[in-house]
Amino acid sequence: MVLFIDEADAFLRSRKGNEISESMRHTINSFLYRTGSPSEKVILIMATNNPDQLDEAVHDRIDEVVGFNLPNENERRIMLFHYLVKYCQPPQTMQEKLEFVWKYPRSIYHGKKLIRMEGVSKDIIEQIAKATEGFSGREITKMVIAWHDAAFTLPDAVLTPELM
């Protein structure tokens, strides 16, 4: 079994601070009790943005730590291109159109509204990649989806640099 705990620091915080409630202290103690001995049947994976806030006993149960930095400018540029194509470019080839109809069969009857882009150049993407320093991959995805949604509300669903 693989157990994945996202935002582990939310409930596995250090017990040393005064701001921890009795129920949180009980939660941590229960977790520690159940993870006290090694197991070949269970893999525990924890994700956190604040590893320094985890309780010392939780750190003791961690075998490996893998750090992920925020994306650099080139990685942000690649993500921007990827998500713009994924969310804001209508299908071009016959294969893409067939895949679209396969994924959204109701679009045949309801005429699913597609977004297209005008004036979105490589230079614009480069500028945005520079301007988004400190953004996570999730924040970049949400930004492109917000652009899509803003374009979607227009009578002629077009994503332009001005809208971005």
C-alpha atoms as a PDB file:
ATOM      1  CA  MET A   1       0.000   0.000   0.000  1.00  0.00           C
ATOM      2  CA  VAL A   2       1.183   3.498  -0.807  1.00  0.00           C
ATOM      3  CA  LEU A   3      -0.168   6.225   1.470  1.00  0.00           C
ATOM      4  CA  PHE A   4       0.318   9.774   0.214  1.00  0.00           C
ATOM      5  CA  ILE A   5      -0.177  12.672   2.646  1.00  0.00           C
ATOM      6  CA  ASP A   6      -0.237  16.092   1.024  1.00  0.00           C
ATOM      7  CA  GLU A   7       0.366  19.189   3.182  1.00  0.00           C
ATOM      8  CA  ALA A   8       1.703  16.917   5.952  1.00  0.00           C
ATOM      9  CA  ASP A   9       2.794  19.932   8.006  1.00  0.00           C
ATOM     10  CA  ALA A  10      -0.894  20.827   8.485  1.00  0.00           C
ATOM     11  CA  PHE A  11      -1.378  18.005  10.982  1.00  0.00           C
ATOM     12  CA  LEU A  12       2.132  16.757  11.788  1.00  0.00           C
ATOM     13  CA  ARG A  13       3.445  20.036  13.209  1.00  0.00           C
ATOM     14  CA  SER A  14       6.006  20.187  15.959  1.00  0.00           C
ATOM     15  CA  ARG A  15       4.501  19.508  19.385  1.00  0.00           C
ATOM     16  CA  LYS A  16       6.926  21.921  21.046  1.00  0.00           C
ATOM     17  CA  GLY A  17       4.951  25.073  20.266  1.00  0.00           C
ATOM     18  CA  ASN A  18       2.174  26.396  22.481  1.00  0.00           C
ATOM     19  CA  GLU A  19      -0.172  26.969  19.535  1.00  0.00           C
ATOM     20  CA  ILE A  20      -0.904  23.263  19.045  1.00  0.00           C
ATOM     21  CA  SER A  21      -4.275  22.043  20.304  1.00  0.00           C
ATOM     22  CA  GLU A  22      -4.816  18.921  22.360  1.00  0.00           C
ATOM     23  CA  SER A  23      -6.607  17.197  19.460  1.00  0.00           C
ATOM     24  CA  MET A  24      -3.678  17.968  17.122  1.00  0.00           C
ATOM     25  CA  ARG A  25      -1.259  16.595  19.733  1.00  0.00           C
ATOM     26  CA  HIS A  26      -3.398  13.450  19.912  1.00  0.00           C
ATOM     27  CA  THR A  27      -3.400  13.152  16.085  1.00  0.00           C
ATOM     28  CA  ILE A  28       0.388  13.366  15.923  1.00  0.00           C
ATOM     29  CA  ASN A  29       0.801  10.845  18.750  1.00  0.00           C
ATOM     30  CA  SER A  30      -1.580   8.415  16.996  1.00  0.00           C
ATOM     31  CA  PHE A  31       0.304   8.811  13.722  1.00  0.00           C
ATOM     32  CA  LEU A  32       3.644   8.211  15.469  1.00  0.00           C
ATOM     33  CA  TYR A  33       2.293   5.164  17.311  1.00  0.00           C
ATOM     34  CA  ARG A  34       1.116   3.571  14.041  1.00  0.00           C
ATOM     35  CA  THR A  35       4.309   4.357  12.120  1.00  0.00           C
ATOM     36  CA  GLY A  36       6.803   3.391  14.809  1.00  0.00           C
ATOM     37  CA  SER A  37       8.063   0.182  13.244  1.00  0.00           C
ATOM     38  CA  PRO A  38       9.283  -0.439   9.682  1.00  0.00           C
ATOM     39  CA  SER A  39       7.006  -2.192   7.223  1.00  0.00           C
ATOM     40  CA  GLU A  40       7.606  -3.759   3.836  1.00  0.00           C
ATOM     41  CA  LYS A  41       3.877  -3.590   3.075  1.00  0.00           C
ATOM     42  CA  VAL A  42       3.374   0.169   3.436  1.00  0.00           C
ATOM     43  CA  ILE A  43       5.131   3.085   1.779  1.00  0.00           C
ATOM     44  CA  LEU A  44       4.399   6.456   3.310  1.00  0.00           C
ATOM     45  CA  ILE A  45       4.967   9.537   1.171  1.00  0.00           C
ATOM     46  CA  MET A  46       4.544  12.993   2.648  1.00  0.00           C
ATOM     47  CA  ALA A  47       4.522  16.292   0.804  1.00  0.00           C
ATOM     48  CA  THR A  48       5.034  19.651   2.465  1.00  0.00           C
ATOM     49  CA  ASN A  49       6.120  23.159   1.617  1.00  0.00           C
ATOM     50  CA  ASN A  50       7.409  23.587   5.179  1.00  0.00           C
ATOM     51  CA  PRO A  51       9.508  20.565   6.192  1.00  0.00           C
ATOM     52  CA  ASP A  52      11.042  22.485   9.090  1.00  0.00           C
ATOM     53  CA  GLN A  53       7.598  22.628  10.760  1.00  0.00           C
ATOM     54  CA  LEU A  54       7.241  18.838  10.953  1.00  0.00           C
ATOM     55  CA  ASP A  55       7.621  17.262  14.384  1.00  0.00           C
ATOM     56  CA  GLU A  56      11.084  15.853  15.177  1.00  0.00           C
ATOM     57  CA  ALA A  57       9.664  12.345  15.601  1.00  0.00           C
ATOM     58  CA  VAL A  58       8.084  12.590  12.134  1.00  0.00           C
ATOM     59  CA  HIS A  59      11.493  13.547  10.706  1.00  0.00           C
ATOM     60  CA  ASP A  60      12.901  10.440  12.407  1.00  0.00           C
ATOM     61  CA  ARG A  61      10.514   8.267  10.381  1.00  0.00           C
ATOM     62  CA  ILE A  62      11.541   9.772   7.037  1.00  0.00           C
ATOM     63  CA  ASP A  63      14.025   7.626   5.106  1.00  0.00           C
ATOM     64  CA  GLU A  64      14.531   9.912   2.115  1.00  0.00           C
ATOM     65  CA  VAL A  65      13.895  13.565   1.418  1.00  0.00           C
ATOM     66  CA  VAL A  66      13.451  14.786  -2.141  1.00  0.00           C
ATOM     67  CA  GLY A  67      13.366  18.521  -2.653  1.00  0.00           C
ATOM     68  CA  PHE A  68      11.656  20.242  -5.550  1.00  0.00           C
ATOM     69  CA  ASN A  69      12.590  23.818  -6.304  1.00  0.00           C
ATOM     70  CA  LEU A  70      10.307  26.316  -7.960  1.00  0.00           C
ATOM     71  CA  PRO A  71      10.563  26.184 -11.756  1.00  0.00           C
ATOM     72  CA  ASN A  72      13.285  28.302 -13.346  1.00  0.00           C
ATOM     73  CA  GLU A  73      12.621  30.660 -16.254  1.00  0.00           C
ATOM     74  CA  ASN A  74      13.082  28.003 -18.936  1.00  0.00           C
ATOM     75  CA  GLU A  75      10.812  25.552 -17.105  1.00  0.00           C
ATOM     76  CA  ARG A  76       8.159  28.263 -16.686  1.00  0.00           C
ATOM     77  CA  ARG A  77       8.378  29.051 -20.414  1.00  0.00           C
ATOM     78  CA  ILE A  78       7.907  25.371 -21.286  1.00  0.00           C
ATOM     79  CA  MET A  79       4.932  25.135 -18.912  1.00  0.00           C
ATOM     80  CA  LEU A  80       3.354  28.253 -20.403  1.00  0.00           C
ATOM     81  CA  PHE A  81       3.615  26.826 -23.933  1.00  0.00           C
ATOM     82  CA  HIS A  82       2.274  23.463 -22.781  1.00  0.00           C
ATOM     83  CA  TYR A  83      -0.748  24.855 -20.939  1.00  0.00           C
ATOM     84  CA  LEU A  84      -1.553  27.426 -23.611  1.00  0.00           C
ATOM     85  CA  VAL A  85      -1.694  24.652 -26.206  1.00  0.00           C
ATOM     86  CA  LYS A  86      -3.657  22.397 -23.848  1.00  0.00           C
ATOM     87  CA  TYR A  87      -6.284  24.957 -22.792  1.00  0.00           C
ATOM     88  CA  CYS A  88      -6.338  27.722 -25.392  1.00  0.00           C
ATOM     89  CA  GLN A  89      -5.657  26.219 -28.811  1.00  0.00           C
ATOM     90  CA  PRO A  90      -8.484  24.556 -30.731  1.00  0.00           C
ATOM     91  CA  PRO A  91      -7.826  21.235 -32.460  1.00  0.00           C
ATOM     92  CA  GLN A  92      -6.005  21.757 -35.770  1.00  0.00           C
ATOM     93  CA  THR A  93      -5.421  18.389 -37.405  1.00  0.00           C
ATOM     94  CA  MET A  94      -8.002  15.740 -38.169  1.00  0.00           C
ATOM     95  CA  GLN A  95      -6.467  13.549 -35.434  1.00  0.00           C
ATOM     96  CA  GLU A  96      -6.804  16.359 -32.849  1.00  0.00           C
ATOM     97  CA  LYS A  97     -10.406  16.975 -33.927  1.00  0.00           C
ATOM     98  CA  LEU A  98     -11.255  13.284 -33.586  1.00  0.00           C
ATOM     99  CA  GLU A  99      -9.587  13.171 -30.167  1.00  0.00           C
ATOM    100  CA  PHE A 100     -11.584  16.255 -29.150  1.00  0.00           C
ATOM    101  CA  VAL A 101     -14.879  14.677 -30.244  1.00  0.00           C
ATOM    102  CA  TRP A 102     -13.899  11.450 -28.470  1.00  0.00           C
ATOM    103  CA  LYS A 103     -13.140  13.387 -25.263  1.00  0.00           C
ATOM    104  CA  TYR A 104     -16.191  15.688 -25.553  1.00  0.00           C
ATOM    105  CA  PRO A 105     -18.863  13.732 -27.481  1.00  0.00           C
ATOM    106  CA  ARG A 106     -21.612  16.170 -26.493  1.00  0.00           C
ATOM    107  CA  SER A 107     -19.791  18.909 -28.399  1.00  0.00           C
ATOM    108  CA  ILE A 108     -21.312  17.495 -31.590  1.00  0.00           C
ATOM    109  CA  TYR A 109     -24.794  18.407 -30.343  1.00  0.00           C
ATOM    110  CA  HIS A 110     -24.086  21.414 -28.142  1.00  0.00           C
ATOM    111  CA  GLY A 111     -21.297  23.069 -30.126  1.00  0.00           C
ATOM    112  CA  LYS A 112     -18.724  23.306 -27.336  1.00  0.00           C
ATOM    113  CA  LYS A 113     -17.170  26.756 -27.499  1.00  0.00           C
ATOM    114  CA  LEU A 114     -13.449  26.652 -28.280  1.00  0.00           C
ATOM    115  CA  ILE A 115     -10.826  29.234 -27.365  1.00  0.00           C
ATOM    116  CA  ARG A 116      -8.338  30.454 -29.927  1.00  0.00           C
ATOM    117  CA  MET A 117      -5.326  32.732 -29.621  1.00  0.00           C
ATOM    118  CA  GLU A 118      -4.416  35.833 -31.616  1.00  0.00           C
ATOM    119  CA  GLY A 119      -1.200  37.799 -31.241  1.00  0.00           C
ATOM    120  CA  VAL A 120       0.242  35.483 -28.613  1.00  0.00           C
ATOM    121  CA  SER A 121       3.844  35.281 -29.772  1.00  0.00           C
ATOM    122  CA  LYS A 122       6.959  33.590 -28.492  1.00  0.00           C
ATOM    123  CA  ASP A 123       8.195  37.010 -27.279  1.00  0.00           C
ATOM    124  CA  ILE A 124       5.069  37.470 -25.151  1.00  0.00           C
ATOM    125  CA  ILE A 125       5.557  34.030 -23.602  1.00  0.00           C
ATOM    126  CA  GLU A 126       9.226  34.881 -22.893  1.00  0.00           C
ATOM    127  CA  GLN A 127       8.169  38.100 -21.133  1.00  0.00           C
ATOM    128  CA  ILE A 128       5.607  36.254 -19.025  1.00  0.00           C
ATOM    129  CA  ALA A 129       8.151  33.542 -18.148  1.00  0.00           C
ATOM    130  CA  LYS A 130      10.499  36.260 -16.850  1.00  0.00           C
ATOM    131  CA  ALA A 131       7.713  38.075 -14.978  1.00  0.00           C
ATOM    132  CA  THR A 132       6.499  34.936 -13.179  1.00  0.00           C
ATOM    133  CA  GLU A 133       9.652  34.310 -11.146  1.00  0.00           C
ATOM    134  CA  GLY A 134       8.652  32.641  -7.882  1.00  0.00           C
ATOM    135  CA  PHE A 135       5.534  31.020  -9.368  1.00  0.00           C
ATOM    136  CA  SER A 136       4.963  27.327  -8.753  1.00  0.00           C
ATOM    137  CA  GLY A 137       3.782  24.964 -11.470  1.00  0.00           C
ATOM    138  CA  ARG A 138       0.315  25.021  -9.932  1.00  0.00           C
ATOM    139  CA  GLU A 139       0.201  28.827 -10.010  1.00  0.00           C
ATOM    140  CA  ILE A 140       1.214  28.866 -13.679  1.00  0.00           C
ATOM    141  CA  THR A 141      -1.489  26.320 -14.513  1.00  0.00           C
ATOM    142  CA  LYS A 142      -4.115  28.353 -12.640  1.00  0.00           C
ATOM    143  CA  MET A 143      -2.985  31.535 -14.418  1.00  0.00           C
ATOM    144  CA  VAL A 144      -3.410  29.972 -17.885  1.00  0.00           C
ATOM    145  CA  ILE A 145      -6.798  28.534 -16.904  1.00  0.00           C
ATOM    146  CA  ALA A 146      -7.828  32.021 -15.724  1.00  0.00           C
ATOM    147  CA  TRP A 147      -6.791  33.406 -19.134  1.00  0.00           C
ATOM    148  CA  HIS A 148      -8.857  30.687 -20.803  1.00  0.00           C
ATOM    149  CA  ASP A 149     -11.878  31.488 -18.649  1.00  0.00           C
ATOM    150  CA  ALA A 150     -11.540  35.227 -19.317  1.00  0.00           C
ATOM    151  CA  ALA A 151     -11.410  34.600 -23.081  1.00  0.00           C
ATOM    152  CA  PHE A 152     -14.304  32.148 -22.824  1.00  0.00           C
ATOM    153  CA  THR A 153     -16.597  34.873 -21.469  1.00  0.00           C
ATOM    154  CA  LEU A 154     -16.059  37.076 -24.533  1.00  0.00           C
ATOM    155  CA  PRO A 155     -18.522  36.919 -27.449  1.00  0.00           C
ATOM    156  CA  ASP A 156     -15.649  35.893 -29.752  1.00  0.00           C
ATOM    157  CA  ALA A 157     -13.588  33.588 -27.500  1.00  0.00           C
ATOM    158  CA  VAL A 158     -10.112  34.889 -28.350  1.00  0.00           C
ATOM    159  CA  LEU A 159      -7.126  35.014 -26.030  1.00  0.00           C
ATOM    160  CA  THR A 160      -4.993  38.078 -26.753  1.00  0.00           C
ATOM    161  CA  PRO A 161      -1.861  39.501 -25.099  1.00  0.00           C
ATOM    162  CA  GLU A 162      -4.003  42.327 -23.702  1.00  0.00           C
ATOM    163  CA  LEU A 163      -6.282  39.840 -21.974  1.00  0.00           C
ATOM    164  CA  MET A 164      -3.296  37.961 -20.627  1.00  0.00           C
END
